[in-house]
Amino acid sequence: MTDLSAHMKPSEMAMQGHSPGVVLRSLVIGLTAFLTVVDLFATQAILPSLTRHYGVTPAAMGFAVNASTFGMAVAGLVVGFFSPHIDRRLGILLSLTLLAIPTSLPAVAPNLAVFTTLRVAQGLCMASAFALTLAYLGEQCSAMDAGGAFAAYITGNVASNLIGRLISAALADSLGLSWNFYFFAALNLAGAVLVYFTIRRVQPMHATMLTESPFAAMIAHWRNPRLRAAYGLGFCILFAFIGTFTYVNFVLVRPPLSLGMMGLGFVYFVFAPSVVTTLMAGTVSTRIGTRPTIWGALGVAVVGLPLLLSSHLGEVLTGMVLVGVGTFFAQAAATGFVGRAATENRGVASGTYLASYFFGGLVGSAILGQLFDHFGWTACIIGIALSLALASLLTLSLRD
């Protein structure tokens, strides 16, 4: 991976210290991402337990857990709109600190409605930090280095899917559901501490150079066919990811697989390959182009779908590995593309992309949950396949 410091002015260096190596910088970027979104999918590892706790259907519980994506979509859009005037460091710090509140409160949520509301609040805080960090990376990194920085950030996201689920399953199994939520609130506060010590205040690049209103900038981005296609692609990617890794949990705990809570947690080592492969997305996109990179990634995900229908655990796990590798790789490549394609008002562009991405997750959890409840796992897989097919068509417009 290219050293970001080689293409940045000293005044633009975000990480404190004197030209730290690219490995250290990537580690800090990835760890920040991990501590920002570790709450997003960790709860999926305890979905069957939560379903029994609240006495609801898989679709209802799946929608409640993924309601955080609604908050993320709204916050991504709002933060993107006001991004040119937001101090990046202060915004990220406040978002991560406030995130600890709705993360801890589900431990005492009396019903599903309150639980769902708290998940929306979590999404609002997570997306604020996420969008501001992506905008910051897009502004402070050169066009060449942005892909690597984004890949490091998305890799931290991938790692949170693996480690977060393992921690969630272990805590719920040994200490109960409540301690699970308290622990993740502590992780959010750790993220705020990390940001405080590693990122110094940098003025938003366009705060003094804005030639149009944020709303006008957003409309201009939507009129750009390349960005519009990228927004649709992000929608489809999380639609497919949510459908796979929300409802496969219910398949894994039912006969013939019949996994227990800790077994379900260990299943998510399937994300380990994605932690490694996602780091390469920026390099691969630079060498062969965005479209071939995303088509290849989506193809890998599609190959994994039929394996998810197997009654043999090894085949199901292989399918989960392929879907995880493919969707995360495509997401990293698409995120980097948005940072390059938006030559102005990158904060607005990143926020709009994230809003589309997370809205896709909310819609996916709702539609695919109904398919799962009423028609079964096979119908859910077909819906996922259609989403990936649409993503492949949208990729045609992503010209570098």
Protein backbone atom coordinates (compact mmCIF):
# COMPACT_ATOMS: atom_id res chain seq x y z
CA MET A 1 0.00 0.00 0.00
CA THR A 2 1.25 3.48 -0.85
CA ASP A 3 2.44 5.66 2.05
CA LEU A 4 -0.13 8.41 2.47
CA SER A 5 2.43 10.84 3.81
CA ALA A 6 4.28 10.89 0.51
CA HIS A 7 1.38 12.74 -1.11
CA MET A 8 0.30 15.03 1.70
CA LYS A 9 1.49 18.40 2.87
CA PRO A 10 2.61 18.61 6.50
CA SER A 11 -0.34 20.87 7.27
CA GLU A 12 -2.68 18.20 5.97
CA MET A 13 -1.38 15.38 8.13
CA ALA A 14 -4.21 14.20 10.33
CA MET A 15 -2.47 11.68 12.46
CA GLN A 16 -0.19 13.15 15.06
CA GLY A 17 3.50 12.37 15.02
CA HIS A 18 6.27 12.86 12.53
CA SER A 19 5.41 11.02 9.29
CA PRO A 20 4.40 7.66 10.81
CA GLY A 21 4.61 4.62 8.53
CA VAL A 22 1.74 3.56 6.37
CA VAL A 23 1.19 0.41 8.43
CA LEU A 24 0.70 2.40 11.63
CA ARG A 25 -1.56 4.90 9.89
CA SER A 26 -3.66 2.12 8.36
CA LEU A 27 -3.89 0.46 11.78
CA VAL A 28 -5.20 3.66 13.39
CA ILE A 29 -7.69 4.22 10.56
CA GLY A 30 -8.90 0.62 10.79
CA LEU A 31 -9.17 0.68 14.58
CA THR A 32 -11.18 3.89 14.45
CA ALA A 33 -13.59 2.24 12.02
CA PHE A 34 -13.79 -0.85 14.23
CA LEU A 35 -14.72 1.11 17.34
CA THR A 36 -17.20 3.23 15.37
CA VAL A 37 -19.33 0.47 13.84
CA VAL A 38 -18.67 -2.51 16.11
CA ASP A 39 -22.25 -2.14 17.43
CA LEU A 40 -23.82 -2.28 13.99
CA PHE A 41 -23.75 -6.01 13.32
CA ALA A 42 -22.54 -7.54 16.60
CA THR A 43 -26.14 -7.89 17.78
CA GLN A 44 -26.85 -10.22 14.86
CA ALA A 45 -24.90 -12.97 16.65
CA ILE A 46 -27.55 -13.01 19.39
CA LEU A 47 -30.58 -12.58 17.12
CA PRO A 48 -32.15 -15.96 18.02
CA SER A 49 -31.76 -15.17 21.74
CA LEU A 50 -33.29 -11.72 21.31
CA THR A 51 -36.16 -13.24 19.30
CA ARG A 52 -36.95 -15.56 22.20
CA HIS A 53 -36.48 -12.76 24.75
CA TYR A 54 -39.05 -10.49 23.10
CA GLY A 55 -41.28 -13.31 21.80
CA VAL A 56 -41.41 -12.05 18.18
CA THR A 57 -40.84 -13.45 14.68
CA PRO A 58 -37.41 -13.55 12.98
CA ALA A 59 -38.54 -10.85 10.53
CA ALA A 60 -39.66 -8.52 13.35
CA MET A 61 -36.46 -9.01 15.34
CA GLY A 62 -34.30 -8.76 12.22
CA PHE A 63 -35.93 -5.45 11.32
CA ALA A 64 -35.53 -4.13 14.88
CA VAL A 65 -31.83 -4.99 15.04
CA ASN A 66 -31.21 -3.51 11.61
CA ALA A 67 -33.22 -0.36 12.39
CA SER A 68 -29.81 1.14 13.11
CA THR A 69 -29.38 1.36 9.34
CA PHE A 70 -32.30 3.82 9.21
CA GLY A 71 -30.54 6.06 11.67
CA MET A 72 -27.35 5.69 9.68
CA ALA A 73 -29.09 6.61 6.43
CA VAL A 74 -30.63 9.75 7.96
CA ALA A 75 -27.41 10.81 9.68
CA GLY A 76 -25.35 10.14 6.57
CA LEU A 77 -27.58 12.46 4.60
CA VAL A 78 -27.75 15.19 7.26
CA VAL A 79 -24.02 15.10 7.99
CA GLY A 80 -23.30 15.14 4.28
CA PHE A 81 -25.53 18.20 3.89
CA PHE A 82 -23.80 20.16 6.65
CA SER A 83 -20.40 18.54 6.22
CA PRO A 84 -18.62 21.61 4.79
CA HIS A 85 -19.19 23.45 8.08
CA ILE A 86 -18.51 20.65 10.59
CA ASP A 87 -15.21 20.37 12.43
CA ARG A 88 -14.19 16.78 11.63
CA ARG A 89 -12.40 15.96 14.87
CA LEU A 90 -15.02 17.48 17.18
CA GLY A 91 -17.85 15.87 15.23
CA ILE A 92 -16.29 12.40 15.42
CA LEU A 93 -15.52 12.81 19.13
CA LEU A 94 -19.07 13.88 20.00
CA SER A 95 -20.63 11.16 17.87
CA LEU A 96 -18.63 8.35 19.50
CA THR A 97 -19.17 9.69 23.01
CA LEU A 98 -22.93 10.05 22.55
CA LEU A 99 -23.09 6.63 20.87
CA ALA A 100 -22.29 4.97 24.19
CA ILE A 101 -25.69 6.05 25.59
CA PRO A 102 -28.08 4.26 23.18
CA THR A 103 -25.61 1.36 23.02
CA SER A 104 -25.94 0.67 26.75
CA LEU A 105 -29.69 1.28 27.16
CA PRO A 106 -30.96 -1.81 25.25
CA ALA A 107 -29.82 -3.73 28.32
CA VAL A 108 -32.95 -2.42 30.07
CA ALA A 109 -35.28 -1.96 27.05
CA PRO A 110 -38.74 -3.18 28.18
CA ASN A 111 -40.13 -4.00 24.74
CA LEU A 112 -39.30 -4.26 21.07
CA ALA A 113 -40.46 -0.72 20.27
CA VAL A 114 -38.00 0.81 22.73
CA PHE A 115 -35.24 -1.53 21.54
CA THR A 116 -35.90 -0.47 17.94
CA THR A 117 -35.83 3.24 18.84
CA LEU A 118 -32.49 2.82 20.58
CA ARG A 119 -31.07 1.03 17.55
CA VAL A 120 -32.12 3.98 15.38
CA ALA A 121 -30.34 6.33 17.81
CA GLN A 122 -27.24 4.16 17.61
CA GLY A 123 -27.34 4.44 13.84
CA LEU A 124 -27.56 8.23 14.00
CA CYS A 125 -24.39 8.44 16.09
CA MET A 126 -22.48 5.75 14.21
CA ALA A 127 -23.14 7.25 10.80
CA SER A 128 -22.19 10.73 11.96
CA ALA A 129 -18.74 9.49 12.98
CA PHE A 130 -18.49 7.24 9.93
CA ALA A 131 -19.44 9.92 7.40
CA LEU A 132 -17.17 12.55 8.93
CA THR A 133 -14.23 10.15 8.94
CA LEU A 134 -14.76 9.22 5.28
CA ALA A 135 -15.07 12.90 4.36
CA TYR A 136 -11.90 13.60 6.30
CA LEU A 137 -9.97 10.84 4.52
CA GLY A 138 -11.23 12.01 1.12
CA GLU A 139 -10.08 15.55 1.84
CA GLN A 140 -6.73 14.84 3.44
CA CYS A 141 -5.49 12.06 1.15
CA SER A 142 -4.40 12.43 -2.45
CA ALA A 143 -6.49 10.78 -5.17
CA MET A 144 -3.99 7.91 -5.42
CA ASP A 145 -3.84 7.28 -1.68
CA ALA A 146 -7.55 7.67 -0.97
CA GLY A 147 -8.24 4.12 -2.16
CA GLY A 148 -5.81 2.66 0.35
CA ALA A 149 -7.09 4.82 3.19
CA PHE A 150 -10.70 3.91 2.42
CA ALA A 151 -9.74 0.22 2.18
CA ALA A 152 -8.13 0.41 5.63
CA TYR A 153 -11.27 2.02 7.03
CA ILE A 154 -13.56 -0.57 5.45
CA THR A 155 -11.23 -3.32 6.70
CA GLY A 156 -11.82 -2.05 10.23
CA ASN A 157 -15.51 -2.33 9.46
CA VAL A 158 -14.98 -5.93 8.34
CA ALA A 159 -13.03 -6.75 11.49
CA SER A 160 -15.87 -5.37 13.60
CA ASN A 161 -18.21 -7.86 11.94
CA LEU A 162 -16.02 -10.77 13.02
CA ILE A 163 -14.76 -9.68 16.43
CA GLY A 164 -17.97 -7.89 17.40
CA ARG A 165 -20.06 -10.98 16.77
CA LEU A 166 -17.63 -13.21 18.68
CA ILE A 167 -17.62 -10.88 21.68
CA SER A 168 -21.39 -10.48 21.59
CA ALA A 169 -22.02 -14.24 21.53
CA ALA A 170 -19.47 -14.91 24.28
CA LEU A 171 -20.79 -12.19 26.60
CA ALA A 172 -24.44 -13.12 26.10
CA ASP A 173 -23.67 -16.80 26.64
CA SER A 174 -21.59 -16.32 29.80
CA LEU A 175 -22.92 -13.13 31.42
CA GLY A 176 -26.33 -12.58 29.83
CA LEU A 177 -27.74 -10.14 27.28
CA SER A 178 -27.39 -7.01 29.44
CA TRP A 179 -23.61 -7.16 29.86
CA ASN A 180 -23.28 -7.48 26.09
CA PHE A 181 -24.65 -3.95 25.61
CA TYR A 182 -22.63 -2.41 28.45
CA PHE A 183 -19.39 -3.78 27.03
CA PHE A 184 -20.01 -2.35 23.56
CA ALA A 185 -20.79 1.06 25.08
CA ALA A 186 -17.32 0.94 26.65
CA LEU A 187 -15.82 0.20 23.22
CA ASN A 188 -17.50 3.32 21.81
CA LEU A 189 -15.90 5.43 24.52
CA ALA A 190 -12.55 3.82 23.71
CA GLY A 191 -13.06 4.96 20.11
CA ALA A 192 -13.56 8.55 21.30
CA VAL A 193 -10.32 8.34 23.29
CA LEU A 194 -8.46 7.02 20.24
CA VAL A 195 -9.71 9.88 18.08
CA TYR A 196 -8.79 12.41 20.75
CA PHE A 197 -5.16 11.26 20.79
CA THR A 198 -4.60 10.46 17.10
CA ILE A 199 -6.48 13.06 15.07
CA ARG A 200 -5.89 16.76 15.40
CA ARG A 201 -8.28 19.44 14.28
CA VAL A 202 -8.29 20.05 10.52
CA GLN A 203 -10.55 22.65 8.92
CA PRO A 204 -13.01 21.11 6.42
CA MET A 205 -11.41 21.58 3.03
CA HIS A 206 -14.42 23.27 1.45
CA ALA A 207 -15.58 25.30 4.45
CA THR A 208 -14.08 28.46 3.00
CA MET A 209 -14.25 27.51 -0.67
CA LEU A 210 -17.86 26.49 -1.09
CA THR A 211 -19.28 27.96 -4.28
CA GLU A 212 -22.76 26.49 -3.85
CA SER A 213 -25.08 25.43 -1.06
CA PRO A 214 -24.80 21.88 0.31
CA PHE A 215 -28.25 21.12 -1.12
CA ALA A 216 -27.16 22.29 -4.56
CA ALA A 217 -24.00 20.21 -4.23
CA MET A 218 -26.07 17.16 -3.33
CA ILE A 219 -28.34 17.67 -6.34
CA ALA A 220 -25.28 18.10 -8.56
CA HIS A 221 -23.90 14.80 -7.30
CA TRP A 222 -27.19 13.03 -8.01
CA ARG A 223 -27.08 14.40 -11.56
CA ASN A 224 -23.65 12.87 -12.05
CA PRO A 225 -24.38 9.44 -13.61
CA ARG A 226 -21.24 7.91 -12.13
CA LEU A 227 -22.08 8.98 -8.58
CA ARG A 228 -25.75 8.10 -9.03
CA ALA A 229 -24.76 4.58 -10.06
CA ALA A 230 -22.38 4.34 -7.09
CA TYR A 231 -25.20 5.30 -4.73
CA GLY A 232 -27.41 2.60 -6.21
CA LEU A 233 -24.56 0.12 -5.98
CA GLY A 234 -24.09 0.86 -2.30
CA PHE A 235 -27.82 0.32 -1.75
CA CYS A 236 -27.66 -3.11 -3.40
CA ILE A 237 -24.50 -4.20 -1.59
CA LEU A 238 -25.86 -3.72 1.93
CA PHE A 239 -29.27 -5.03 0.84
CA ALA A 240 -27.55 -8.32 -0.04
CA PHE A 241 -25.22 -8.34 2.97
CA ILE A 242 -28.01 -7.68 5.48
CA GLY A 243 -30.19 -10.36 3.91
CA THR A 244 -27.44 -12.94 4.11
CA PHE A 245 -25.99 -12.33 7.54
CA THR A 246 -29.21 -11.50 9.36
CA TYR A 247 -31.37 -14.44 8.39
CA VAL A 248 -28.66 -17.09 8.05
CA ASN A 249 -28.49 -16.94 11.86
CA PHE A 250 -31.93 -18.54 12.09
CA VAL A 251 -30.92 -21.22 9.57
CA LEU A 252 -27.81 -22.06 11.58
CA VAL A 253 -29.67 -22.63 14.88
CA ARG A 254 -32.39 -24.78 13.32
CA PRO A 255 -32.09 -28.46 12.35
CA PRO A 256 -30.14 -29.95 10.68
CA LEU A 257 -27.33 -27.54 11.65
CA SER A 258 -28.60 -26.80 15.19
CA LEU A 259 -25.78 -24.59 16.46
CA GLY A 260 -25.73 -23.19 20.00
CA MET A 261 -25.04 -19.55 20.90
CA MET A 262 -21.25 -19.90 21.14
CA GLY A 263 -21.20 -22.06 18.03
CA LEU A 264 -23.07 -19.29 16.25
CA GLY A 265 -20.48 -16.81 17.43
CA PHE A 266 -17.55 -18.90 16.19
CA VAL A 267 -19.25 -19.20 12.81
CA TYR A 268 -18.32 -15.58 12.19
CA PHE A 269 -14.69 -16.46 11.72
CA VAL A 270 -15.99 -16.57 8.16
CA PHE A 271 -15.17 -12.83 8.12
CA ALA A 272 -11.46 -13.47 8.76
CA PRO A 273 -10.58 -13.79 5.04
CA SER A 274 -12.43 -10.52 4.35
CA VAL A 275 -10.22 -8.68 6.84
CA VAL A 276 -7.23 -9.58 4.66
CA THR A 277 -8.76 -9.29 1.19
CA THR A 278 -10.53 -5.96 1.74
CA LEU A 279 -7.18 -4.26 2.37
CA MET A 280 -6.27 -5.05 -1.24
CA ALA A 281 -9.32 -3.35 -2.75
CA GLY A 282 -7.63 0.02 -3.21
CA THR A 283 -4.57 -1.50 -4.90
CA VAL A 284 -6.63 -3.77 -7.14
CA SER A 285 -8.93 -0.91 -8.20
CA THR A 286 -5.91 1.23 -9.09
CA ARG A 287 -4.32 -1.52 -11.18
CA ILE A 288 -7.26 -2.98 -13.08
CA GLY A 289 -9.97 -0.32 -12.68
CA THR A 290 -13.09 0.05 -10.57
CA ARG A 291 -15.50 -1.84 -12.81
CA PRO A 292 -13.49 -5.08 -13.18
CA THR A 293 -12.76 -4.98 -9.45
CA ILE A 294 -16.41 -4.70 -8.45
CA TRP A 295 -17.61 -7.22 -11.04
CA GLY A 296 -15.07 -9.73 -9.76
CA ALA A 297 -16.11 -9.11 -6.16
CA LEU A 298 -19.82 -9.45 -6.94
CA GLY A 299 -19.10 -12.65 -8.87
CA VAL A 300 -17.41 -14.13 -5.82
CA ALA A 301 -20.47 -13.28 -3.71
CA VAL A 302 -22.87 -14.83 -6.24
CA VAL A 303 -20.89 -18.08 -6.29
CA GLY A 304 -21.38 -18.35 -2.54
CA LEU A 305 -25.18 -18.04 -2.57
CA PRO A 306 -26.11 -21.62 -3.64
CA LEU A 307 -23.85 -23.01 -0.91
CA LEU A 308 -25.98 -21.27 1.72
CA LEU A 309 -28.83 -23.64 0.86
CA SER A 310 -26.82 -26.73 1.80
CA SER A 311 -27.61 -28.90 4.82
CA HIS A 312 -23.87 -29.36 5.49
CA LEU A 313 -22.22 -26.82 7.78
CA GLY A 314 -18.94 -26.76 5.85
CA GLU A 315 -20.67 -25.77 2.63
CA VAL A 316 -22.76 -23.11 4.36
CA LEU A 317 -19.65 -21.63 5.96
CA THR A 318 -17.86 -21.58 2.60
CA GLY A 319 -20.82 -19.73 1.11
CA MET A 320 -20.72 -17.19 3.95
CA VAL A 321 -16.98 -16.64 3.37
CA LEU A 322 -17.54 -15.97 -0.33
CA VAL A 323 -20.46 -13.60 0.23
CA GLY A 324 -18.52 -11.73 2.91
CA VAL A 325 -15.35 -11.41 0.81
CA GLY A 326 -17.30 -10.32 -2.27
CA THR A 327 -19.58 -7.75 -0.68
CA PHE A 328 -16.90 -6.14 1.47
CA PHE A 329 -14.45 -5.96 -1.42
CA ALA A 330 -17.10 -4.35 -3.62
CA GLN A 331 -18.01 -1.92 -0.82
CA ALA A 332 -14.38 -0.84 -0.36
CA ALA A 333 -13.93 -0.31 -4.10
CA ALA A 334 -17.20 1.63 -4.40
CA THR A 335 -16.37 3.84 -1.40
CA GLY A 336 -12.99 4.71 -2.88
CA PHE A 337 -14.63 5.44 -6.24
CA VAL A 338 -17.00 7.99 -4.66
CA GLY A 339 -14.03 9.76 -3.08
CA ARG A 340 -12.36 10.03 -6.50
CA ALA A 341 -15.44 10.78 -8.61
CA ALA A 342 -16.59 13.67 -6.41
CA THR A 343 -14.05 16.33 -7.29
CA GLU A 344 -15.82 18.91 -5.10
CA ASN A 345 -17.80 18.73 -1.86
CA ARG A 346 -16.57 15.24 -1.02
CA GLY A 347 -18.22 15.37 2.40
CA VAL A 348 -21.62 15.80 0.74
CA ALA A 349 -20.86 12.99 -1.71
CA SER A 350 -19.70 10.60 1.03
CA GLY A 351 -22.74 11.37 3.18
CA THR A 352 -25.11 10.76 0.28
CA TYR A 353 -23.39 7.48 -0.55
CA LEU A 354 -23.64 6.31 3.06
CA ALA A 355 -27.31 7.28 3.20
CA SER A 356 -27.99 5.17 0.11
CA TYR A 357 -25.86 2.31 1.44
CA PHE A 358 -27.54 2.11 4.83
CA PHE A 359 -31.02 2.68 3.44
CA GLY A 360 -30.34 -0.41 1.34
CA GLY A 361 -29.69 -2.33 4.55
CA LEU A 362 -32.98 -1.20 6.08
CA VAL A 363 -34.97 -2.11 2.97
CA GLY A 364 -33.13 -5.41 2.71
CA SER A 365 -33.93 -6.40 6.28
CA ALA A 366 -37.62 -5.58 5.73
CA ILE A 367 -38.17 -7.20 2.32
CA LEU A 368 -35.94 -10.22 2.81
CA GLY A 369 -37.34 -10.76 6.31
CA GLN A 370 -40.82 -11.07 4.88
CA LEU A 371 -39.55 -13.47 2.23
CA PHE A 372 -37.86 -15.53 4.94
CA ASP A 373 -40.94 -15.65 7.20
CA HIS A 374 -43.47 -16.44 4.48
CA PHE A 375 -41.54 -18.36 1.82
CA GLY A 376 -38.38 -19.62 3.48
CA TRP A 377 -34.62 -19.34 3.10
CA THR A 378 -34.56 -20.23 -0.61
CA ALA A 379 -36.79 -17.25 -1.48
CA CYS A 380 -34.54 -15.02 0.63
CA ILE A 381 -31.47 -16.22 -1.33
CA ILE A 382 -33.22 -15.46 -4.63
CA GLY A 383 -33.91 -11.91 -3.44
CA ILE A 384 -30.23 -11.52 -2.52
CA ALA A 385 -29.16 -12.79 -5.95
CA LEU A 386 -31.41 -10.26 -7.69
CA SER A 387 -29.86 -7.46 -5.66
CA LEU A 388 -26.33 -8.52 -6.67
CA ALA A 389 -27.41 -8.75 -10.31
CA LEU A 390 -28.72 -5.18 -10.19
CA ALA A 391 -25.45 -4.08 -8.56
CA SER A 392 -23.56 -5.62 -11.46
CA LEU A 393 -25.62 -3.63 -13.96
CA LEU A 394 -25.07 -0.40 -12.06
CA THR A 395 -21.32 -1.01 -12.12
CA LEU A 396 -21.38 -0.38 -15.89
CA SER A 397 -21.56 3.35 -15.14
CA LEU A 398 -18.53 3.45 -12.83
CA ARG A 399 -15.97 4.68 -15.34
CA ASP A 400 -12.64 5.70 -13.81
